[in-house]
C-alpha atoms as a PDB file:
ATOM      1  CA  MET A   1       0.000   0.000   0.000  1.00  0.00           C
ATOM      2  CA  THR A   2       1.469   3.358  -1.035  1.00  0.00           C
ATOM      3  CA  SER A   3       1.584   6.275   1.369  1.00  0.00           C
ATOM      4  CA  PRO A   4      -0.566   9.291   0.497  1.00  0.00           C
ATOM      5  CA  ALA A   5       1.288  12.246  -1.021  1.00  0.00           C
ATOM      6  CA  PRO A   6       2.141  15.070   1.367  1.00  0.00           C
ATOM      7  CA  SER A   7      -0.185  18.053   1.370  1.00  0.00           C
ATOM      8  CA  ARG A   8       0.635  20.619  -1.314  1.00  0.00           C
ATOM      9  CA  HIS A   9      -1.029  23.510   0.490  1.00  0.00           C
ATOM     10  CA  ILE A  10       0.301  23.881   4.015  1.00  0.00           C
ATOM     11  CA  ALA A  11      -1.733  25.754   6.618  1.00  0.00           C
ATOM     12  CA  LEU A  12       1.132  27.819   8.001  1.00  0.00           C
ATOM     13  CA  PRO A  13      -0.357  30.279  10.526  1.00  0.00           C
ATOM     14  CA  GLY A  14       0.246  33.815   9.268  1.00  0.00           C
ATOM     15  CA  THR A  15       0.176  32.858   5.573  1.00  0.00           C
ATOM     16  CA  THR A  16      -2.574  31.680   3.235  1.00  0.00           C
ATOM     17  CA  ASN A  17      -0.656  30.711   0.091  1.00  0.00           C
ATOM     18  CA  PHE A  18       2.211  28.554   1.409  1.00  0.00           C
ATOM     19  CA  ARG A  19       2.625  25.599  -0.951  1.00  0.00           C
ATOM     20  CA  ASP A  20       5.011  22.756  -1.736  1.00  0.00           C
ATOM     21  CA  LEU A  21       6.271  22.325  -5.323  1.00  0.00           C
ATOM     22  CA  GLY A  22       6.791  18.600  -4.797  1.00  0.00           C
ATOM     23  CA  GLY A  23       5.131  15.738  -6.614  1.00  0.00           C
ATOM     24  CA  TYR A  24       4.950  17.058 -10.169  1.00  0.00           C
ATOM     25  CA  ARG A  25       6.402  14.662 -12.744  1.00  0.00           C
ATOM     26  CA  GLY A  26       9.569  16.092 -14.242  1.00  0.00           C
ATOM     27  CA  HIS A  27      12.586  15.125 -16.355  1.00  0.00           C
ATOM     28  CA  GLN A  28      12.697  11.434 -17.355  1.00  0.00           C
ATOM     29  CA  GLY A  29       9.530  10.763 -15.342  1.00  0.00           C
ATOM     30  CA  ARG A  30      11.146  11.615 -12.008  1.00  0.00           C
ATOM     31  CA  SER A  31       8.971  13.580  -9.606  1.00  0.00           C
ATOM     32  CA  VAL A  32       9.908  16.808  -7.880  1.00  0.00           C
ATOM     33  CA  ARG A  33      10.953  16.043  -4.310  1.00  0.00           C
ATOM     34  CA  TRP A  34       8.562  16.964  -1.553  1.00  0.00           C
ATOM     35  CA  ARG A  35       9.419  19.319   1.302  1.00  0.00           C
ATOM     36  CA  VAL A  36      12.449  21.037  -0.240  1.00  0.00           C
ATOM     37  CA  LEU A  37      10.940  23.763  -2.478  1.00  0.00           C
ATOM     38  CA  PHE A  38       8.180  25.992  -1.175  1.00  0.00           C
ATOM     39  CA  ARG A  39       6.377  29.042  -2.557  1.00  0.00           C
ATOM     40  CA  SER A  40       4.443  31.485  -0.416  1.00  0.00           C
ATOM     41  CA  ASP A  41       2.957  34.865   0.274  1.00  0.00           C
ATOM     42  CA  HIS A  42       5.119  36.998   2.575  1.00  0.00           C
ATOM     43  CA  LEU A  43       6.261  35.690   5.961  1.00  0.00           C
ATOM     44  CA  ALA A  44       6.051  38.848   8.078  1.00  0.00           C
ATOM     45  CA  ASP A  45       2.709  37.859   9.624  1.00  0.00           C
ATOM     46  CA  LEU A  46       3.798  34.419  10.778  1.00  0.00           C
ATOM     47  CA  THR A  47       2.561  33.693  14.280  1.00  0.00           C
ATOM     48  CA  PRO A  48       4.874  31.985  16.795  1.00  0.00           C
ATOM     49  CA  GLU A  49       3.130  28.751  15.830  1.00  0.00           C
ATOM     50  CA  GLY A  50       3.769  29.567  12.186  1.00  0.00           C
ATOM     51  CA  VAL A  51       7.460  30.126  12.781  1.00  0.00           C
ATOM     52  CA  GLN A  52       7.644  26.856  14.690  1.00  0.00           C
ATOM     53  CA  ALA A  53       5.865  25.067  11.819  1.00  0.00           C
ATOM     54  CA  LEU A  54       8.278  26.638   9.317  1.00  0.00           C
ATOM     55  CA  HIS A  55      11.207  25.261  11.299  1.00  0.00           C
ATOM     56  CA  GLY A  56       9.422  21.921  11.524  1.00  0.00           C
ATOM     57  CA  LEU A  57       9.399  21.766   7.727  1.00  0.00           C
ATOM     58  CA  GLY A  58      13.158  22.230   7.789  1.00  0.00           C
ATOM     59  CA  VAL A  59      13.029  25.560   5.926  1.00  0.00           C
ATOM     60  CA  ARG A  60      16.267  27.429   6.536  1.00  0.00           C
ATOM     61  CA  ARG A  61      16.420  29.817   3.555  1.00  0.00           C
ATOM     62  CA  SER A  62      14.037  32.345   2.040  1.00  0.00           C
ATOM     63  CA  ALA A  63      14.258  34.261  -1.231  1.00  0.00           C
ATOM     64  CA  ASP A  64      12.225  37.465  -0.973  1.00  0.00           C
ATOM     65  CA  PHE A  65      11.145  39.017  -4.293  1.00  0.00           C
ATOM     66  CA  ARG A  66       9.355  41.972  -2.708  1.00  0.00           C
ATOM     67  CA  GLY A  67      10.287  45.558  -3.451  1.00  0.00           C
ATOM     68  CA  ALA A  68      12.175  47.719  -0.968  1.00  0.00           C
ATOM     69  CA  GLN A  69       9.070  49.504   0.352  1.00  0.00           C
ATOM     70  CA  GLU A  70       7.188  46.227   0.706  1.00  0.00           C
ATOM     71  CA  ARG A  71      10.008  44.813   2.804  1.00  0.00           C
ATOM     72  CA  ARG A  72      10.104  47.922   5.000  1.00  0.00           C
ATOM     73  CA  VAL A  73       6.374  47.838   5.673  1.00  0.00           C
ATOM     74  CA  ASP A  74       6.226  44.093   6.328  1.00  0.00           C
ATOM     75  CA  ALA A  75       9.677  43.166   7.583  1.00  0.00           C
ATOM     76  CA  TYR A  76      10.590  39.839   9.135  1.00  0.00           C
ATOM     77  CA  ALA A  77      13.684  38.270  10.639  1.00  0.00           C
ATOM     78  CA  TRP A  78      13.112  34.788  12.010  1.00  0.00           C
ATOM     79  CA  ASP A  79      15.812  32.906  13.897  1.00  0.00           C
ATOM     80  CA  GLY A  80      17.276  30.103  11.826  1.00  0.00           C
ATOM     81  CA  LEU A  81      16.011  31.534   8.511  1.00  0.00           C
ATOM     82  CA  HIS A  82      18.608  33.048   6.187  1.00  0.00           C
ATOM     83  CA  THR A  83      16.842  35.603   3.979  1.00  0.00           C
ATOM     84  CA  HIS A  84      18.008  36.789   0.549  1.00  0.00           C
ATOM     85  CA  ALA A  85      16.488  39.952  -0.956  1.00  0.00           C
ATOM     86  CA  LEU A  86      15.952  39.455  -4.705  1.00  0.00           C
ATOM     87  CA  THR A  87      14.236  42.787  -5.248  1.00  0.00           C
ATOM     88  CA  VAL A  88      11.600  43.020  -7.982  1.00  0.00           C
ATOM     89  CA  GLU A  89       9.700  46.277  -7.643  1.00  0.00           C
ATOM     90  CA  PRO A  90       5.939  46.076  -8.361  1.00  0.00           C
ATOM     91  CA  THR A  91       6.165  49.036 -10.753  1.00  0.00           C
ATOM     92  CA  VAL A  92       3.303  48.230 -13.117  1.00  0.00           C
ATOM     93  CA  VAL A  93       0.733  47.665 -10.383  1.00  0.00           C
ATOM     94  CA  GLN A  94       1.971  50.832  -8.679  1.00  0.00           C
ATOM     95  CA  LYS A  95       1.157  52.669 -11.904  1.00  0.00           C
ATOM     96  CA  ALA A  96      -2.407  51.420 -11.691  1.00  0.00           C
ATOM     97  CA  PHE A  97      -2.868  52.734  -8.164  1.00  0.00           C
ATOM     98  CA  ALA A  98      -1.179  56.029  -9.081  1.00  0.00           C
ATOM     99  CA  LEU A  99      -3.502  56.461 -12.057  1.00  0.00           C
ATOM    100  CA  ILE A 100      -6.578  55.942  -9.911  1.00  0.00           C
ATOM    101  CA  HIS A 101      -5.320  58.292  -7.201  1.00  0.00           C
ATOM    102  CA  ALA A 102      -4.673  60.947  -9.839  1.00  0.00           C
ATOM    103  CA  GLY A 103      -8.295  60.772 -10.943  1.00  0.00           C
ATOM    104  CA  GLY A 104      -7.739  58.684 -14.047  1.00  0.00           C
ATOM    105  CA  SER A 105      -9.939  55.849 -15.200  1.00  0.00           C
ATOM    106  CA  LEU A 106      -9.010  52.183 -15.300  1.00  0.00           C
ATOM    107  CA  THR A 107     -11.168  49.323 -16.515  1.00  0.00           C
ATOM    108  CA  ALA A 108     -10.877  45.621 -15.732  1.00  0.00           C
ATOM    109  CA  ALA A 109      -9.584  45.109 -19.283  1.00  0.00           C
ATOM    110  CA  ASP A 110      -6.939  47.776 -18.687  1.00  0.00           C
ATOM    111  CA  SER A 111      -5.954  45.948 -15.514  1.00  0.00           C
ATOM    112  CA  VAL A 112      -5.527  42.668 -17.393  1.00  0.00           C
ATOM    113  CA  ALA A 113      -3.259  44.451 -19.872  1.00  0.00           C
ATOM    114  CA  LEU A 114      -1.239  45.932 -17.005  1.00  0.00           C
ATOM    115  CA  MET A 115      -0.795  42.523 -15.422  1.00  0.00           C
ATOM    116  CA  GLN A 116       0.328  41.048 -18.724  1.00  0.00           C
ATOM    117  CA  GLU A 117       2.872  43.851 -19.004  1.00  0.00           C
ATOM    118  CA  THR A 118       4.034  43.037 -15.464  1.00  0.00           C
ATOM    119  CA  TYR A 119       4.907  39.507 -16.560  1.00  0.00           C
ATOM    120  CA  ARG A 120       6.713  40.782 -19.635  1.00  0.00           C
ATOM    121  CA  HIS A 121       8.763  42.940 -17.271  1.00  0.00           C
ATOM    122  CA  PHE A 122       9.759  39.796 -15.377  1.00  0.00           C
ATOM    123  CA  VAL A 123      11.188  38.332 -18.579  1.00  0.00           C
ATOM    124  CA  ARG A 124      12.744  41.510 -19.910  1.00  0.00           C
ATOM    125  CA  ASP A 125      13.851  43.534 -16.882  1.00  0.00           C
ATOM    126  CA  ASN A 126      14.202  41.192 -13.888  1.00  0.00           C
ATOM    127  CA  THR A 127      16.352  38.392 -15.233  1.00  0.00           C
ATOM    128  CA  VAL A 128      19.143  38.962 -12.704  1.00  0.00           C
ATOM    129  CA  GLN A 129      16.867  38.374  -9.721  1.00  0.00           C
ATOM    130  CA  PHE A 130      15.355  35.161 -11.067  1.00  0.00           C
ATOM    131  CA  ALA A 131      18.785  33.872 -12.103  1.00  0.00           C
ATOM    132  CA  GLN A 132      19.969  34.564  -8.549  1.00  0.00           C
ATOM    133  CA  LEU A 133      17.259  32.239  -7.250  1.00  0.00           C
ATOM    134  CA  PHE A 134      18.707  29.422  -9.333  1.00  0.00           C
ATOM    135  CA  GLN A 135      22.184  30.170  -8.018  1.00  0.00           C
ATOM    136  CA  LEU A 136      20.851  29.840  -4.464  1.00  0.00           C
ATOM    137  CA  LEU A 137      19.216  26.519  -5.298  1.00  0.00           C
ATOM    138  CA  LEU A 138      22.468  25.261  -6.800  1.00  0.00           C
ATOM    139  CA  GLU A 139      24.520  26.200  -3.733  1.00  0.00           C
ATOM    140  CA  ASP A 140      22.977  23.478  -1.579  1.00  0.00           C
ATOM    141  CA  GLU A 141      19.686  21.689  -1.096  1.00  0.00           C
ATOM    142  CA  VAL A 142      18.605  23.290   2.158  1.00  0.00           C
ATOM    143  CA  PRO A 143      14.785  23.521   2.113  1.00  0.00           C
ATOM    144  CA  THR A 144      13.921  26.917   0.635  1.00  0.00           C
ATOM    145  CA  VAL A 145      10.855  29.135   0.439  1.00  0.00           C
ATOM    146  CA  PHE A 146      10.607  31.861  -2.189  1.00  0.00           C
ATOM    147  CA  HIS A 147       7.923  34.500  -1.974  1.00  0.00           C
ATOM    148  CA  CYS A 148       6.715  37.989  -2.772  1.00  0.00           C
ATOM    149  CA  THR A 149       3.785  39.740  -1.084  1.00  0.00           C
ATOM    150  CA  ALA A 150       0.823  37.622  -2.212  1.00  0.00           C
ATOM    151  CA  GLY A 151       2.849  34.730  -3.615  1.00  0.00           C
ATOM    152  CA  LYS A 152       1.166  34.945  -6.991  1.00  0.00           C
ATOM    153  CA  ASP A 153       3.001  36.973  -9.677  1.00  0.00           C
ATOM    154  CA  ARG A 154       6.724  37.278  -8.970  1.00  0.00           C
ATOM    155  CA  THR A 155       6.505  34.016  -7.055  1.00  0.00           C
ATOM    156  CA  GLY A 156       4.356  32.470  -9.778  1.00  0.00           C
ATOM    157  CA  TRP A 157       6.900  33.217 -12.497  1.00  0.00           C
ATOM    158  CA  ALA A 158       9.750  31.960 -10.286  1.00  0.00           C
ATOM    159  CA  ALA A 159       7.860  28.706  -9.689  1.00  0.00           C
ATOM    160  CA  ALA A 160       7.200  28.336 -13.416  1.00  0.00           C
ATOM    161  CA  LEU A 161      10.905  28.760 -14.195  1.00  0.00           C
ATOM    162  CA  ILE A 162      11.947  26.213 -11.556  1.00  0.00           C
ATOM    163  CA  LEU A 163       9.425  23.657 -12.764  1.00  0.00           C
ATOM    164  CA  GLU A 164      10.458  24.267 -16.384  1.00  0.00           C
ATOM    165  CA  ALA A 165      14.090  23.648 -15.448  1.00  0.00           C
ATOM    166  CA  LEU A 166      13.054  20.417 -13.727  1.00  0.00           C
ATOM    167  CA  GLY A 167      11.215  19.247 -16.845  1.00  0.00           C
ATOM    168  CA  VAL A 168       7.641  19.545 -15.558  1.00  0.00           C
ATOM    169  CA  ALA A 169       4.904  19.708 -18.206  1.00  0.00           C
ATOM    170  CA  ARG A 170       3.454  23.116 -19.046  1.00  0.00           C
ATOM    171  CA  THR A 171      -0.052  21.954 -18.107  1.00  0.00           C
ATOM    172  CA  ASP A 172       1.130  21.061 -14.592  1.00  0.00           C
ATOM    173  CA  ILE A 173       2.954  24.377 -14.313  1.00  0.00           C
ATOM    174  CA  GLU A 174      -0.216  26.275 -15.180  1.00  0.00           C
ATOM    175  CA  HIS A 175      -2.184  24.126 -12.720  1.00  0.00           C
ATOM    176  CA  ASP A 176       0.233  25.020  -9.940  1.00  0.00           C
ATOM    177  CA  TYR A 177       0.121  28.691 -10.923  1.00  0.00           C
ATOM    178  CA  LEU A 178      -3.682  28.860 -10.776  1.00  0.00           C
ATOM    179  CA  LEU A 179      -3.835  27.289  -7.294  1.00  0.00           C
ATOM    180  CA  THR A 180      -3.279  30.795  -5.950  1.00  0.00           C
ATOM    181  CA  ASN A 181      -6.915  31.573  -6.779  1.00  0.00           C
ATOM    182  CA  GLN A 182      -7.941  28.718  -4.511  1.00  0.00           C
ATOM    183  CA  PHE A 183      -5.772  29.560  -1.532  1.00  0.00           C
ATOM    184  CA  TYR A 184      -4.685  33.212  -1.391  1.00  0.00           C
ATOM    185  CA  GLN A 185      -6.764  35.359   0.963  1.00  0.00           C
ATOM    186  CA  ARG A 186      -6.274  39.103   1.034  1.00  0.00           C
ATOM    187  CA  PRO A 187      -5.597  40.489   4.526  1.00  0.00           C
ATOM    188  CA  ALA A 188      -8.757  42.172   5.754  1.00  0.00           C
ATOM    189  CA  ALA A 189      -7.119  45.538   6.457  1.00  0.00           C
ATOM    190  CA  MET A 190      -5.462  45.616   3.028  1.00  0.00           C
ATOM    191  CA  ALA A 191      -8.708  44.658   1.309  1.00  0.00           C
ATOM    192  CA  ALA A 192     -10.616  47.399   3.132  1.00  0.00           C
ATOM    193  CA  ARG A 193      -8.078  50.084   2.164  1.00  0.00           C
ATOM    194  CA  ALA A 194      -7.953  48.968  -1.442  1.00  0.00           C
ATOM    195  CA  ALA A 195     -11.745  48.842  -1.716  1.00  0.00           C
ATOM    196  CA  GLN A 196     -11.851  52.555  -0.915  1.00  0.00           C
ATOM    197  CA  ALA A 197      -9.487  53.296  -3.808  1.00  0.00           C
ATOM    198  CA  MET A 198     -10.490  50.910  -6.590  1.00  0.00           C
ATOM    199  CA  PRO A 199     -13.597  49.187  -7.960  1.00  0.00           C
ATOM    200  CA  GLN A 200     -13.948  45.542  -7.026  1.00  0.00           C
ATOM    201  CA  ASP A 201     -13.705  44.255 -10.602  1.00  0.00           C
ATOM    202  CA  ILE A 202     -10.256  45.831 -10.929  1.00  0.00           C
ATOM    203  CA  LEU A 203      -9.124  44.469  -7.575  1.00  0.00           C
ATOM    204  CA  ASP A 204     -10.267  41.012  -8.636  1.00  0.00           C
ATOM    205  CA  VAL A 205      -7.864  41.257 -11.580  1.00  0.00           C
ATOM    206  CA  LEU A 206      -4.937  42.609  -9.580  1.00  0.00           C
ATOM    207  CA  TRP A 207      -5.287  40.170  -6.684  1.00  0.00           C
ATOM    208  CA  ARG A 208      -5.914  36.997  -8.648  1.00  0.00           C
ATOM    209  CA  VAL A 209      -4.086  35.186 -11.435  1.00  0.00           C
ATOM    210  CA  GLN A 210      -5.212  34.380 -14.967  1.00  0.00           C
ATOM    211  CA  PRO A 211      -3.713  32.055 -17.565  1.00  0.00           C
ATOM    212  CA  SER A 212      -3.140  35.036 -19.868  1.00  0.00           C
ATOM    213  CA  PHE A 213      -0.760  36.607 -17.338  1.00  0.00           C
ATOM    214  CA  LEU A 214       1.562  33.625 -17.377  1.00  0.00           C
ATOM    215  CA  ALA A 215       1.101  33.203 -21.127  1.00  0.00           C
ATOM    216  CA  SER A 216       2.327  36.745 -21.737  1.00  0.00           C
ATOM    217  CA  ALA A 217       5.662  35.857 -20.098  1.00  0.00           C
ATOM    218  CA  TYR A 218       5.956  32.663 -22.109  1.00  0.00           C
ATOM    219  CA  ASP A 219       5.135  34.556 -25.308  1.00  0.00           C
ATOM    220  CA  MET A 220       7.951  37.009 -24.650  1.00  0.00           C
ATOM    221  CA  VAL A 221      10.385  34.189 -23.894  1.00  0.00           C
ATOM    222  CA  GLU A 222       9.464  32.614 -27.218  1.00  0.00           C
ATOM    223  CA  ARG A 223       9.536  35.865 -29.161  1.00  0.00           C
ATOM    224  CA  GLU A 224      12.749  37.358 -27.787  1.00  0.00           C
ATOM    225  CA  HIS A 225      14.746  34.272 -26.803  1.00  0.00           C
ATOM    226  CA  GLY A 226      13.589  31.501 -29.111  1.00  0.00           C
ATOM    227  CA  GLY A 227      11.991  29.337 -26.441  1.00  0.00           C
ATOM    228  CA  MET A 228      12.248  28.298 -22.817  1.00  0.00           C
ATOM    229  CA  GLN A 229      15.222  25.970 -23.122  1.00  0.00           C
ATOM    230  CA  ARG A 230      17.348  28.689 -24.672  1.00  0.00           C
ATOM    231  CA  TYR A 231      16.089  31.184 -22.095  1.00  0.00           C
ATOM    232  CA  LEU A 232      17.060  28.886 -19.237  1.00  0.00           C
ATOM    233  CA  ARG A 233      20.460  28.252 -20.762  1.00  0.00           C
ATOM    234  CA  GLU A 234      21.440  31.744 -21.884  1.00  0.00           C
ATOM    235  CA  VAL A 235      19.515  34.067 -19.561  1.00  0.00           C
ATOM    236  CA  MET A 236      19.040  32.031 -16.395  1.00  0.00           C
ATOM    237  CA  GLN A 237      22.630  30.744 -16.850  1.00  0.00           C
ATOM    238  CA  LEU A 238      21.668  27.089 -16.575  1.00  0.00           C
ATOM    239  CA  ASP A 239      24.003  25.181 -18.845  1.00  0.00           C
ATOM    240  CA  GLU A 240      23.777  21.395 -19.144  1.00  0.00           C
ATOM    241  CA  HIS A 241      25.960  20.899 -16.082  1.00  0.00           C
ATOM    242  CA  ALA A 242      23.794  23.238 -13.984  1.00  0.00           C
ATOM    243  CA  LEU A 243      20.564  21.656 -15.215  1.00  0.00           C
ATOM    244  CA  HIS A 244      21.900  18.209 -14.392  1.00  0.00           C
ATOM    245  CA  ALA A 245      22.897  19.368 -10.903  1.00  0.00           C
ATOM    246  CA  LEU A 246      19.514  21.017 -10.332  1.00  0.00           C
ATOM    247  CA  ARG A 247      17.622  17.904 -11.404  1.00  0.00           C
ATOM    248  CA  ALA A 248      19.862  15.615  -9.380  1.00  0.00           C
ATOM    249  CA  ARG A 249      19.155  17.724  -6.322  1.00  0.00           C
ATOM    250  CA  TYR A 250      15.427  18.365  -6.635  1.00  0.00           C
ATOM    251  CA  LEU A 251      14.055  15.328  -8.495  1.00  0.00           C
ATOM    252  CA  GLN A 252      13.522  11.947  -6.875  1.00  0.00           C
ATOM    253  CA  GLY A 253      15.587   8.900  -7.663  1.00  0.00           C
END
């Protein structure tokens, strides 16, 4: 009798979108190892029980994709957790809020276009930060969590790149990406403030994920770099030796 797979979504007190990347079938049919790669919303609201649970998972390293202001507002420093700032500023979404505050108009369709542009920025303007994540993962196999604020966009693209490097099918990558809509819960205070500034249909775009967001990043990879494998090799600096090392470390068997 086989043991049930570990839970993908982990109820870590102080987060809502903490998930394990394990279990997806990757290169040569080998599955991604459980309990070594985690994605999450930010960790600043972890309760003492949440911190204890994080340690219980063996997580000793975090990669924080939040912008400088986001880190100042919601800072964290947990004993036993070595944090790396891989700063990706949320510039496009900031433009949306600035436009509204200035009295401009923004439709839900405009918001979708802004989010698609955000993902193109990841591919075009934030390559260094995502490549740094791979360098961390290649240093050693200490269980690692990577996150941004909500764990959906910057984190979603990072997860897609990792799973691509491990040979996971695109359909499984999109499935993992869309799980955010099932698990992420906006903090009540944040939701109340935002509701005073923006219509709900726009907030539903900005605070959820859609397949077209991820597809816009893939389209740019294809258009400007000739495909994901070349992008991983030439931009993420994962040559055959690095890919082999990554797969040996994070795939089973």
